[in-house]
Structure formats: C-alpha cells, structure tokens
PDB file of N, CA and C in Angstrom:
ATOM      1  N   UNK A   1     -11.597  11.289   2.698  1.00  0.00           N
ATOM      2  CA  UNK A   1     -10.355  11.890   3.156  1.00  0.00           C
ATOM      3  C   UNK A   1      -9.289  11.747   2.529  1.00  0.00           C
ATOM      4  N   UNK A   2      -8.276  12.726   2.361  1.00  0.00           N
ATOM      5  CA  UNK A   2      -7.331  12.550   1.552  1.00  0.00           C
ATOM      6  C   UNK A   2      -6.096  12.638   2.358  1.00  0.00           C
ATOM      7  N   UNK A   3      -4.990  12.105   1.772  1.00  0.00           N
ATOM      8  CA  UNK A   3      -3.664  11.821   2.409  1.00  0.00           C
ATOM      9  C   UNK A   3      -2.805  13.003   2.889  1.00  0.00           C
ATOM     10  N   UNK A   4      -2.252  13.226   3.924  1.00  0.00           N
ATOM     11  CA  UNK A   4      -1.680  14.333   4.083  1.00  0.00           C
ATOM     12  C   UNK A   4       0.137  13.848   4.486  1.00  0.00           C
ATOM     13  N   UNK A   5       0.867  14.378   3.846  1.00  0.00           N
ATOM     14  CA  UNK A   5       2.316  14.006   3.833  1.00  0.00           C
ATOM     15  C   UNK A   5       3.085  15.031   4.551  1.00  0.00           C
ATOM     16  N   UNK A   6       3.755  14.863   5.862  1.00  0.00           N
ATOM     17  CA  UNK A   6       4.617  15.812   6.016  1.00  0.00           C
ATOM     18  C   UNK A   6       6.106  15.047   6.471  1.00  0.00           C
ATOM     19  N   UNK A   7       7.101  15.561   5.828  1.00  0.00           N
ATOM     20  CA  UNK A   7       8.340  14.569   5.840  1.00  0.00           C
ATOM     21  C   UNK A   7       8.074  13.260   5.562  1.00  0.00           C
ATOM     22  N   UNK A   8       8.405  12.501   6.526  1.00  0.00           N
ATOM     23  CA  UNK A   8       8.371  10.949   6.460  1.00  0.00           C
ATOM     24  C   UNK A   8       6.998  10.443   7.058  1.00  0.00           C
ATOM     25  N   UNK A   9       6.239  11.376   7.380  1.00  0.00           N
ATOM     26  CA  UNK A   9       4.806  10.838   8.073  1.00  0.00           C
ATOM     27  C   UNK A   9       3.629  11.205   7.298  1.00  0.00           C
ATOM     28  N   UNK A  10       2.653  10.104   6.976  1.00  0.00           N
ATOM     29  CA  UNK A  10       1.447  10.416   6.214  1.00  0.00           C
ATOM     30  C   UNK A  10       0.321  10.192   7.034  1.00  0.00           C
ATOM     31  N   UNK A  11      -0.514  10.772   7.150  1.00  0.00           N
ATOM     32  CA  UNK A  11      -1.919  10.714   7.810  1.00  0.00           C
ATOM     33  C   UNK A  11      -3.146  10.389   6.942  1.00  0.00           C
ATOM     34  N   UNK A  12      -3.906   9.416   6.885  1.00  0.00           N
ATOM     35  CA  UNK A  12      -4.846   9.092   6.209  1.00  0.00           C
ATOM     36  C   UNK A  12      -5.606   8.110   6.863  1.00  0.00           C
ATOM     37  N   UNK A  13      -6.996   7.610   6.140  1.00  0.00           N
ATOM     38  CA  UNK A  13      -7.704   6.686   6.944  1.00  0.00           C
ATOM     39  C   UNK A  13      -7.247   5.361   6.001  1.00  0.00           C
ATOM     40  N   UNK A  14      -6.243   4.652   6.581  1.00  0.00           N
ATOM     41  CA  UNK A  14      -5.526   3.522   6.102  1.00  0.00           C
ATOM     42  C   UNK A  14      -6.524   2.298   6.056  1.00  0.00           C
ATOM     43  N   UNK A  15      -7.413   2.039   7.058  1.00  0.00           N
ATOM     44  CA  UNK A  15      -8.195   0.848   7.127  1.00  0.00           C
ATOM     45  C   UNK A  15      -9.655   1.482   6.889  1.00  0.00           C
ATOM     46  N   UNK A  16     -10.027   2.598   6.534  1.00  0.00           N
ATOM     47  CA  UNK A  16     -11.335   2.655   6.028  1.00  0.00           C
ATOM     48  C   UNK A  16     -12.164   2.820   6.915  1.00  0.00           C
ATOM     49  N   UNK A  17     -12.095   3.146   8.020  1.00  0.00           N
ATOM     50  CA  UNK A  17     -13.289   2.939   9.359  1.00  0.00           C
ATOM     51  C   UNK A  17     -13.413   4.609   9.356  1.00  0.00           C
ATOM     52  N   UNK A  18     -13.041   5.341   8.883  1.00  0.00           N
ATOM     53  CA  UNK A  18     -13.565   6.897   8.869  1.00  0.00           C
ATOM     54  C   UNK A  18     -12.849   7.547  10.013  1.00  0.00           C
ATOM     55  N   UNK A  19     -11.524   7.009  10.662  1.00  0.00           N
ATOM     56  CA  UNK A  19     -10.562   7.780  11.525  1.00  0.00           C
ATOM     57  C   UNK A  19      -9.569   7.799  10.851  1.00  0.00           C
ATOM     58  N   UNK A  20      -8.744   8.932  11.181  1.00  0.00           N
ATOM     59  CA  UNK A  20      -7.385   8.906  10.496  1.00  0.00           C
ATOM     60  C   UNK A  20      -6.342   8.118  11.314  1.00  0.00           C
ATOM     61  N   UNK A  21      -5.268   7.520  10.413  1.00  0.00           N
ATOM     62  CA  UNK A  21      -4.408   6.734  10.868  1.00  0.00           C
ATOM     63  C   UNK A  21      -3.261   7.526  10.536  1.00  0.00           C
ATOM     64  N   UNK A  22      -1.969   6.856  10.601  1.00  0.00           N
ATOM     65  CA  UNK A  22      -0.854   7.300  10.095  1.00  0.00           C
ATOM     66  C   UNK A  22       0.041   6.461   9.749  1.00  0.00           C
ATOM     67  N   UNK A  23       1.353   6.775   8.852  1.00  0.00           N
ATOM     68  CA  UNK A  23       2.151   5.704   8.435  1.00  0.00           C
ATOM     69  C   UNK A  23       3.537   6.478   8.542  1.00  0.00           C
ATOM     70  N   UNK A  24       4.346   5.837   8.635  1.00  0.00           N
ATOM     71  CA  UNK A  24       5.906   6.544   8.628  1.00  0.00           C
ATOM     72  C   UNK A  24       6.794   5.497   7.856  1.00  0.00           C
ATOM     73  N   UNK A  25       7.174   6.583   6.756  1.00  0.00           N
ATOM     74  CA  UNK A  25       8.332   5.964   5.809  1.00  0.00           C
ATOM     75  C   UNK A  25       9.228   5.177   6.371  1.00  0.00           C
ATOM     76  N   UNK A  26       9.231   3.869   5.770  1.00  0.00           N
ATOM     77  CA  UNK A  26      10.323   3.005   6.374  1.00  0.00           C
ATOM     78  C   UNK A  26      11.470   2.906   5.410  1.00  0.00           C
ATOM     79  N   UNK A  27      11.500   2.535   4.227  1.00  0.00           N
ATOM     80  CA  UNK A  27      12.564   2.491   3.319  1.00  0.00           C
ATOM     81  C   UNK A  27      12.373   2.832   1.679  1.00  0.00           C
ATOM     82  N   UNK A  28      13.317   3.112   1.143  1.00  0.00           N
ATOM     83  CA  UNK A  28      13.171   3.165  -0.394  1.00  0.00           C
ATOM     84  C   UNK A  28      14.082   2.317  -1.003  1.00  0.00           C
ATOM     85  N   UNK A  29      13.412   1.097  -1.882  1.00  0.00           N
ATOM     86  CA  UNK A  29      14.196   0.065  -2.552  1.00  0.00           C
ATOM     87  C   UNK A  29      14.474   0.517  -3.803  1.00  0.00           C
ATOM     88  N   UNK A  30      14.988  -0.240  -4.716  1.00  0.00           N
ATOM     89  CA  UNK A  30      15.528   0.011  -5.877  1.00  0.00           C
ATOM     90  C   UNK A  30      14.280   0.574  -6.756  1.00  0.00           C
ATOM     91  N   UNK A  31      14.615   1.317  -7.953  1.00  0.00           N
ATOM     92  CA  UNK A  31      13.496   1.855  -8.547  1.00  0.00           C
ATOM     93  C   UNK A  31      12.435   2.852  -7.889  1.00  0.00           C
ATOM     94  N   UNK A  32      11.175   2.523  -8.098  1.00  0.00           N
ATOM     95  CA  UNK A  32      10.176   3.548  -7.285  1.00  0.00           C
ATOM     96  C   UNK A  32       9.747   3.066  -6.157  1.00  0.00           C
ATOM     97  N   UNK A  33      10.119   1.715  -5.638  1.00  0.00           N
ATOM     98  CA  UNK A  33       9.625   1.025  -4.550  1.00  0.00           C
ATOM     99  C   UNK A  33       9.842   1.423  -3.462  1.00  0.00           C
ATOM    100  N   UNK A  34       8.686   1.627  -2.274  1.00  0.00           N
ATOM    101  CA  UNK A  34       8.919   2.190  -0.898  1.00  0.00           C
ATOM    102  C   UNK A  34       8.257   1.242  -0.146  1.00  0.00           C
ATOM    103  N   UNK A  35       8.589   1.355   1.151  1.00  0.00           N
ATOM    104  CA  UNK A  35       7.600   0.710   2.463  1.00  0.00           C
ATOM    105  C   UNK A  35       7.545   1.570   3.397  1.00  0.00           C
ATOM    106  N   UNK A  36       6.493   1.451   4.157  1.00  0.00           N
ATOM    107  CA  UNK A  36       5.968   2.357   5.264  1.00  0.00           C
ATOM    108  C   UNK A  36       5.638   1.364   6.582  1.00  0.00           C
ATOM    109  N   UNK A  37       5.497   1.819   7.373  1.00  0.00           N
ATOM    110  CA  UNK A  37       5.038   0.945   8.887  1.00  0.00           C
ATOM    111  C   UNK A  37       3.406   1.833   9.172  1.00  0.00           C
ATOM    112  N   UNK A  38       2.409   1.085   9.225  1.00  0.00           N
ATOM    113  CA  UNK A  38       1.246   1.653   9.159  1.00  0.00           C
ATOM    114  C   UNK A  38       0.769   1.653  10.676  1.00  0.00           C
ATOM    115  N   UNK A  39       0.187   2.626  11.240  1.00  0.00           N
ATOM    116  CA  UNK A  39      -0.444   2.907  12.572  1.00  0.00           C
ATOM    117  C   UNK A  39      -1.854   3.100  12.678  1.00  0.00           C
ATOM    118  N   UNK A  40      -2.282   2.230  13.174  1.00  0.00           N
ATOM    119  CA  UNK A  40      -3.957   2.709  12.845  1.00  0.00           C
ATOM    120  C   UNK A  40      -4.684   2.788  14.557  1.00  0.00           C
ATOM    121  N   UNK A  41      -5.356   3.456  14.405  1.00  0.00           N
ATOM    122  CA  UNK A  41      -6.252   4.215  15.686  1.00  0.00           C
ATOM    123  C   UNK A  41      -7.340   3.280  16.010  1.00  0.00           C
ATOM    124  N   UNK A  42      -7.276   2.870  17.416  1.00  0.00           N
ATOM    125  CA  UNK A  42      -8.474   2.193  17.941  1.00  0.00           C
ATOM    126  C   UNK A  42      -9.288   3.125  18.000  1.00  0.00           C
ATOM    127  N   UNK A  43     -10.847   2.925  17.491  1.00  0.00           N
ATOM    128  CA  UNK A  43     -11.647   3.995  17.787  1.00  0.00           C
ATOM    129  C   UNK A  43     -12.503   3.852  19.203  1.00  0.00           C
ATOM    130  N   UNK A  44     -12.137   2.735  19.688  1.00  0.00           N
ATOM    131  CA  UNK A  44     -12.821   2.381  21.066  1.00  0.00           C
ATOM    132  C   UNK A  44     -11.747   3.201  22.422  1.00  0.00           C
ATOM    133  N   UNK A  45     -10.587   3.151  22.220  1.00  0.00           N
ATOM    134  CA  UNK A  45      -9.724   3.473  23.200  1.00  0.00           C
ATOM    135  C   UNK A  45      -8.906   4.730  22.760  1.00  0.00           C
ATOM    136  N   UNK A  46      -8.872   5.220  21.488  1.00  0.00           N
ATOM    137  CA  UNK A  46      -7.945   6.404  21.005  1.00  0.00           C
ATOM    138  C   UNK A  46      -6.376   6.060  21.168  1.00  0.00           C
ATOM    139  N   UNK A  47      -6.275   4.802  21.302  1.00  0.00           N
ATOM    140  CA  UNK A  47      -4.977   4.276  21.389  1.00  0.00           C
ATOM    141  C   UNK A  47      -4.537   3.903  19.817  1.00  0.00           C
ATOM    142  N   UNK A  48      -3.297   3.818  19.511  1.00  0.00           N
ATOM    143  CA  UNK A  48      -2.764   3.462  18.203  1.00  0.00           C
ATOM    144  C   UNK A  48      -2.161   1.883  18.362  1.00  0.00           C
ATOM    145  N   UNK A  49      -2.138   1.296  17.434  1.00  0.00           N
ATOM    146  CA  UNK A  49      -1.399   0.025  17.189  1.00  0.00           C
ATOM    147  C   UNK A  49      -0.889   0.044  15.790  1.00  0.00           C
ATOM    148  N   UNK A  50       0.269  -0.841  15.972  1.00  0.00           N
ATOM    149  CA  UNK A  50       1.150  -1.134  14.801  1.00  0.00           C
ATOM    150  C   UNK A  50       0.497  -2.226  13.858  1.00  0.00           C
ATOM    151  N   UNK A  51      -0.144  -1.975  12.930  1.00  0.00           N
ATOM    152  CA  UNK A  51      -0.872  -2.708  11.885  1.00  0.00           C
ATOM    153  C   UNK A  51       0.304  -3.968  11.310  1.00  0.00           C
ATOM    154  N   UNK A  52      -0.500  -4.630  10.792  1.00  0.00           N
ATOM    155  CA  UNK A  52       0.346  -5.849   9.887  1.00  0.00           C
ATOM    156  C   UNK A  52       0.379  -5.635   8.429  1.00  0.00           C
ATOM    157  N   UNK A  53      -0.178  -4.662   8.111  1.00  0.00           N
ATOM    158  CA  UNK A  53      -0.141  -3.947   6.734  1.00  0.00           C
ATOM    159  C   UNK A  53       1.495  -3.893   6.274  1.00  0.00           C
ATOM    160  N   UNK A  54       1.408  -4.579   4.917  1.00  0.00           N
ATOM    161  CA  UNK A  54       2.684  -4.547   4.413  1.00  0.00           C
ATOM    162  C   UNK A  54       2.831  -4.991   2.877  1.00  0.00           C
ATOM    163  N   UNK A  55       3.937  -4.354   2.368  1.00  0.00           N
ATOM    164  CA  UNK A  55       3.575  -4.352   0.748  1.00  0.00           C
ATOM    165  C   UNK A  55       4.522  -3.372   0.353  1.00  0.00           C
ATOM    166  N   UNK A  56       4.455  -3.516  -1.129  1.00  0.00           N
ATOM    167  CA  UNK A  56       5.608  -2.377  -1.577  1.00  0.00           C
ATOM    168  C   UNK A  56       4.923  -1.321  -2.291  1.00  0.00           C
ATOM    169  N   UNK A  57       5.091   0.086  -1.989  1.00  0.00           N
ATOM    170  CA  UNK A  57       4.273   1.187  -2.682  1.00  0.00           C
ATOM    171  C   UNK A  57       2.962   1.054  -2.759  1.00  0.00           C
ATOM    172  N   UNK A  58       2.243   0.823  -1.309  1.00  0.00           N
ATOM    173  CA  UNK A  58       0.857   0.698  -1.187  1.00  0.00           C
ATOM    174  C   UNK A  58      -0.062   1.746  -1.286  1.00  0.00           C
ATOM    175  N   UNK A  59      -0.960   1.972  -2.189  1.00  0.00           N
ATOM    176  CA  UNK A  59      -1.949   3.032  -2.341  1.00  0.00           C
ATOM    177  C   UNK A  59      -3.156   2.951  -1.826  1.00  0.00           C
ATOM    178  N   UNK A  60      -3.626   3.946  -1.165  1.00  0.00           N
ATOM    179  CA  UNK A  60      -5.059   3.591  -0.532  1.00  0.00           C
ATOM    180  C   UNK A  60      -6.118   4.265  -1.049  1.00  0.00           C
ATOM    181  N   UNK A  61      -7.056   3.563  -1.713  1.00  0.00           N
ATOM    182  CA  UNK A  61      -8.008   4.272  -2.325  1.00  0.00           C
ATOM    183  C   UNK A  61      -9.651   4.393  -1.533  1.00  0.00           C
ATOM    184  N   UNK A  62      -9.625   5.451  -0.871  1.00  0.00           N
ATOM    185  CA  UNK A  62     -10.710   5.736  -0.071  1.00  0.00           C
ATOM    186  C   UNK A  62     -12.119   5.414  -0.759  1.00  0.00           C
ATOM    187  N   UNK A  63     -12.313   5.790  -1.891  1.00  0.00           N
ATOM    188  CA  UNK A  63     -13.606   5.565  -2.601  1.00  0.00           C
ATOM    189  C   UNK A  63     -13.780   4.147  -2.927  1.00  0.00           C
ATOM    190  N   UNK A  64     -12.895   3.298  -3.067  1.00  0.00           N
ATOM    191  CA  UNK A  64     -13.232   1.845  -3.512  1.00  0.00           C
ATOM    192  C   UNK A  64     -12.870   0.938  -2.092  1.00  0.00           C
ATOM    193  N   UNK A  65     -12.373   1.817  -1.104  1.00  0.00           N
ATOM    194  CA  UNK A  65     -12.007   0.718  -0.177  1.00  0.00           C
ATOM    195  C   UNK A  65     -10.944  -0.182  -0.357  1.00  0.00           C
ATOM    196  N   UNK A  66      -9.998  -0.009  -1.483  1.00  0.00           N
ATOM    197  CA  UNK A  66      -9.102  -0.997  -1.533  1.00  0.00           C
ATOM    198  C   UNK A  66      -7.897  -0.361  -1.474  1.00  0.00           C
ATOM    199  N   UNK A  67      -6.775  -1.404  -1.160  1.00  0.00           N
ATOM    200  CA  UNK A  67      -5.401  -0.977  -1.067  1.00  0.00           C
ATOM    201  C   UNK A  67      -4.438  -1.632  -2.205  1.00  0.00           C
ATOM    202  N   UNK A  68      -3.747  -0.734  -2.956  1.00  0.00           N
ATOM    203  CA  UNK A  68      -3.256  -1.150  -4.386  1.00  0.00           C
ATOM    204  C   UNK A  68      -1.672  -1.140  -4.022  1.00  0.00           C
ATOM    205  N   UNK A  69      -1.039  -2.531  -4.481  1.00  0.00           N
ATOM    206  CA  UNK A  69       0.359  -2.490  -4.362  1.00  0.00           C
ATOM    207  C   UNK A  69       0.895  -2.541  -5.624  1.00  0.00           C
ATOM    208  N   UNK A  70       2.206  -1.801  -6.002  1.00  0.00           N
ATOM    209  CA  UNK A  70       2.765  -1.606  -7.111  1.00  0.00           C
ATOM    210  C   UNK A  70       4.133  -1.871  -6.810  1.00  0.00           C
ATOM    211  N   UNK A  71       4.721  -2.947  -7.355  1.00  0.00           N
ATOM    212  CA  UNK A  71       6.177  -3.511  -7.118  1.00  0.00           C
ATOM    213  C   UNK A  71       6.889  -3.666  -8.466  1.00  0.00           C
ATOM    214  N   UNK A  72       7.996  -2.813  -8.647  1.00  0.00           N
ATOM    215  CA  UNK A  72       8.771  -2.777  -9.909  1.00  0.00           C
ATOM    216  C   UNK A  72       9.660  -3.625  -9.382  1.00  0.00           C
ATOM    217  N   UNK A  73       9.885  -4.988 -10.306  1.00  0.00           N
ATOM    218  CA  UNK A  73      10.901  -6.062 -10.099  1.00  0.00           C
ATOM    219  C   UNK A  73      11.999  -6.243 -11.319  1.00  0.00           C
ATOM    220  N   UNK A  74      12.840  -7.102 -11.116  1.00  0.00           N
ATOM    221  CA  UNK A  74      13.931  -7.257 -12.470  1.00  0.00           C
ATOM    222  C   UNK A  74      14.492  -6.176 -12.857  1.00  0.00           C
ATOM    223  N   UNK A  75      14.786  -5.128 -12.329  1.00  0.00           N
ATOM    224  CA  UNK A  75      15.183  -3.784 -12.461  1.00  0.00           C
ATOM    225  C   UNK A  75      14.126  -3.393 -13.914  1.00  0.00           C
ATOM    226  N   UNK A  76      13.239  -3.212 -13.617  1.00  0.00           N
ATOM    227  CA  UNK A  76      12.245  -2.627 -14.427  1.00  0.00           C
ATOM    228  C   UNK A  76      11.546  -3.570 -15.664  1.00  0.00           C
ATOM    229  N   UNK A  77      11.882  -4.744 -15.524  1.00  0.00           N
ATOM    230  CA  UNK A  77      11.520  -5.773 -16.516  1.00  0.00           C
ATOM    231  C   UNK A  77      10.511  -6.380 -15.860  1.00  0.00           C
ATOM    232  N   UNK A  78       9.891  -6.281 -14.732  1.00  0.00           N
ATOM    233  CA  UNK A  78       8.666  -6.868 -14.498  1.00  0.00           C
ATOM    234  C   UNK A  78       7.837  -5.978 -13.401  1.00  0.00           C
ATOM    235  N   UNK A  79       6.549  -6.234 -13.182  1.00  0.00           N
ATOM    236  CA  UNK A  79       5.845  -5.371 -12.111  1.00  0.00           C
ATOM    237  C   UNK A  79       4.718  -6.507 -11.545  1.00  0.00           C
ATOM    238  N   UNK A  80       4.607  -6.302 -10.459  1.00  0.00           N
ATOM    239  CA  UNK A  80       3.609  -6.735  -9.695  1.00  0.00           C
ATOM    240  C   UNK A  80       2.651  -5.844  -9.092  1.00  0.00           C
ATOM    241  N   UNK A  81       1.481  -6.289  -9.410  1.00  0.00           N
ATOM    242  CA  UNK A  81       0.431  -5.313  -9.095  1.00  0.00           C
ATOM    243  C   UNK A  81      -0.662  -6.381  -8.552  1.00  0.00           C
ATOM    244  N   UNK A  82      -1.004  -5.624  -7.146  1.00  0.00           N
ATOM    245  CA  UNK A  82      -1.974  -6.418  -6.176  1.00  0.00           C
ATOM    246  C   UNK A  82      -2.914  -5.620  -5.562  1.00  0.00           C
ATOM    247  N   UNK A  83      -4.091  -6.324  -5.602  1.00  0.00           N
ATOM    248  CA  UNK A  83      -5.119  -5.302  -5.094  1.00  0.00           C
ATOM    249  C   UNK A  83      -5.756  -6.071  -3.700  1.00  0.00           C
ATOM    250  N   UNK A  84      -5.909  -5.586  -2.522  1.00  0.00           N
ATOM    251  CA  UNK A  84      -6.571  -5.797  -1.195  1.00  0.00           C
ATOM    252  C   UNK A  84      -7.727  -5.104  -0.782  1.00  0.00           C
ATOM    253  N   UNK A  85      -8.530  -5.976   0.133  1.00  0.00           N
ATOM    254  CA  UNK A  85      -9.428  -5.402   0.824  1.00  0.00           C
ATOM    255  C   UNK A  85      -9.159  -5.238   2.490  1.00  0.00           C
ATOM    256  N   UNK A  86      -9.537  -4.624   3.265  1.00  0.00           N
ATOM    257  CA  UNK A  86      -9.252  -4.656   4.423  1.00  0.00           C
ATOM    258  C   UNK A  86     -10.573  -5.248   5.258  1.00  0.00           C
ATOM    259  N   UNK A  87     -10.106  -6.488   6.109  1.00  0.00           N
ATOM    260  CA  UNK A  87     -11.145  -6.773   7.008  1.00  0.00           C
ATOM    261  C   UNK A  87     -10.705  -7.070   8.344  1.00  0.00           C
ATOM    262  N   UNK A  88     -11.404  -6.639   9.258  1.00  0.00           N
ATOM    263  CA  UNK A  88     -10.670  -6.728  10.712  1.00  0.00           C
ATOM    264  C   UNK A  88      -9.189  -6.149  10.710  1.00  0.00           C
ATOM    265  N   UNK A  89      -8.805  -5.131  10.170  1.00  0.00           N
ATOM    266  CA  UNK A  89      -7.697  -4.443   9.970  1.00  0.00           C
ATOM    267  C   UNK A  89      -6.469  -5.199   9.554  1.00  0.00           C
ATOM    268  N   UNK A  90      -6.892  -6.316   8.834  1.00  0.00           N
ATOM    269  CA  UNK A  90      -5.840  -7.084   7.875  1.00  0.00           C
ATOM    270  C   UNK A  90      -6.050  -6.870   6.437  1.00  0.00           C
ATOM    271  N   UNK A  91      -4.943  -6.871   5.694  1.00  0.00           N
ATOM    272  CA  UNK A  91      -5.121  -6.864   4.277  1.00  0.00           C
ATOM    273  C   UNK A  91      -5.342  -8.310   3.662  1.00  0.00           C
ATOM    274  N   UNK A  92      -6.482  -8.526   2.804  1.00  0.00           N
ATOM    275  CA  UNK A  92      -7.017  -9.796   2.356  1.00  0.00           C
ATOM    276  C   UNK A  92      -6.717  -9.474   0.811  1.00  0.00           C
ATOM    277  N   UNK A  93      -5.974 -10.425   0.003  1.00  0.00           N
ATOM    278  CA  UNK A  93      -5.423 -10.230  -1.091  1.00  0.00           C
ATOM    279  C   UNK A  93      -6.920 -10.610  -2.058  1.00  0.00           C
ATOM    280  N   UNK A  94      -7.285  -9.687  -2.918  1.00  0.00           N
ATOM    281  CA  UNK A  94      -8.202 -10.133  -3.871  1.00  0.00           C
ATOM    282  C   UNK A  94      -7.786 -10.287  -5.305  1.00  0.00           C
ATOM    283  N   UNK A  95      -6.600  -9.784  -5.879  1.00  0.00           N
ATOM    284  CA  UNK A  95      -6.305 -10.114  -7.017  1.00  0.00           C
ATOM    285  C   UNK A  95      -4.734  -9.608  -7.171  1.00  0.00           C
ATOM    286  N   UNK A  96      -4.055 -10.508  -7.990  1.00  0.00           N
ATOM    287  CA  UNK A  96      -2.466 -10.302  -8.274  1.00  0.00           C
ATOM    288  C   UNK A  96      -2.273 -10.487  -9.674  1.00  0.00           C
ATOM    289  N   UNK A  97      -1.405  -9.635 -10.143  1.00  0.00           N
ATOM    290  CA  UNK A  97      -0.744  -9.845 -11.589  1.00  0.00           C
ATOM    291  C   UNK A  97       0.719  -9.468 -11.446  1.00  0.00           C
ATOM    292  N   UNK A  98       1.293 -10.389 -12.438  1.00  0.00           N
ATOM    293  CA  UNK A  98       2.580 -10.320 -12.452  1.00  0.00           C
ATOM    294  C   UNK A  98       2.720 -10.245 -13.690  1.00  0.00           C
ATOM    295  N   UNK A  99       3.480  -8.861 -14.185  1.00  0.00           N
ATOM    296  CA  UNK A  99       3.809  -8.409 -15.812  1.00  0.00           C
ATOM    297  C   UNK A  99       5.246  -8.648 -16.137  1.00  0.00           C
ATOM    298  N   UNK A 100       5.557  -9.257 -16.954  1.00  0.00           N
ATOM    299  CA  UNK A 100       6.912  -9.277 -17.221  1.00  0.00           C
ATOM    300  C   UNK A 100       7.064  -8.763 -18.998  1.00  0.00           C
ATOM    301  N   UNK A 101       8.193  -8.280 -19.113  1.00  0.00           N
ATOM    302  CA  UNK A 101       8.294  -7.439 -20.236  1.00  0.00           C
ATOM    303  C   UNK A 101       8.864  -8.761 -21.258  1.00  0.00           C
ATOM    304  N   UNK A 102       8.020  -8.699 -22.596  1.00  0.00           N
ATOM    305  CA  UNK A 102       8.184  -9.493 -23.449  1.00  0.00           C
ATOM    306  C   UNK A 102       8.972  -8.683 -24.543  1.00  0.00           C
ATOM    307  N   UNK A 103      10.487  -9.071 -24.713  1.00  0.00           N
ATOM    308  CA  UNK A 103      10.945  -8.475 -25.504  1.00  0.00           C
ATOM    309  C   UNK A 103      10.486  -8.433 -27.151  1.00  0.00           C
ATOM    310  N   UNK A 104      10.146  -9.566 -27.509  1.00  0.00           N
ATOM    311  CA  UNK A 104       9.738  -9.905 -28.928  1.00  0.00           C
ATOM    312  C   UNK A 104       8.462  -8.831 -29.236  1.00  0.00           C
ATOM    313  N   UNK A 105       7.587  -8.902 -28.150  1.00  0.00           N
ATOM    314  CA  UNK A 105       6.215  -8.045 -28.260  1.00  0.00           C
ATOM    315  C   UNK A 105       6.527  -6.582 -28.004  1.00  0.00           C
ATOM    316  N   UNK A 106       7.761  -6.467 -27.369  1.00  0.00           N
ATOM    317  CA  UNK A 106       8.004  -4.956 -26.773  1.00  0.00           C
ATOM    318  C   UNK A 106       6.603  -4.609 -25.993  1.00  0.00           C
ATOM    319  N   UNK A 107       6.342  -5.110 -24.922  1.00  0.00           N
ATOM    320  CA  UNK A 107       5.067  -4.909 -23.986  1.00  0.00           C
ATOM    321  C   UNK A 107       5.201  -5.969 -22.737  1.00  0.00           C
ATOM    322  N   UNK A 108       4.455  -5.282 -21.960  1.00  0.00           N
ATOM    323  CA  UNK A 108       4.218  -6.333 -20.818  1.00  0.00           C
ATOM    324  C   UNK A 108       3.239  -7.316 -20.684  1.00  0.00           C
ATOM    325  N   UNK A 109       3.407  -8.535 -20.542  1.00  0.00           N
ATOM    326  CA  UNK A 109       2.341  -9.511 -20.493  1.00  0.00           C
ATOM    327  C   UNK A 109       2.214 -10.096 -19.365  1.00  0.00           C
TER     328      UNK A 109
END
C-alpha cells in the first residue's frame, strides 16, 4: 500500500495491519521537521482511535514494516534518526542515532 496525501490528510497503513489508517498534519517546525496526529482503524469495529504514535517527520515503510524518524536539530548541525517497529499499535524503539556536524572533519559523526 502506498500513502495518499490530500491537503493536510494522509491515508496509508500506519500500523502495518493491512487496513488503511489516516493522519492529520499537525505542525511544521524549524527546517524540514513536521509532526502529525495518527488515527488508526480498529479492524473489529470499523471505528477509529487516536494512536500514541509520535515523533518528528515520521516515515512509514510498508515493506519492512518499520517507522523511521528524521529530526534535524541545532539549526541543521545535528540529526536524530530513529527506527521503530509497531507492537500492539505502539511504536517500539529499535535503534537511535544522533549525528552531529564535526567542523574539523566537515562531516556528521
């Protein structure tokens, strides 16, 4: 499944259960950082519930069934990249990397 965006609403399978959910754009922060509110569909009742999914600039990968977070911080001098899996409609952190611009090496470490 792919994600479809219309204005501030995106439709896609955010919890990887084969049923389309939706998210509503919440806010844009400094740089490329954004956040959204994620609404998941209950497959047993066809009702929707607000999830506890949170993070900055979340990207949902249906092939790997992972959620990636990309957060630019310190005016672009640093980046936080995190990977989550979904267990019982909750984001579980798998890996977190903080990269900071090293001026002498002119690269992120």
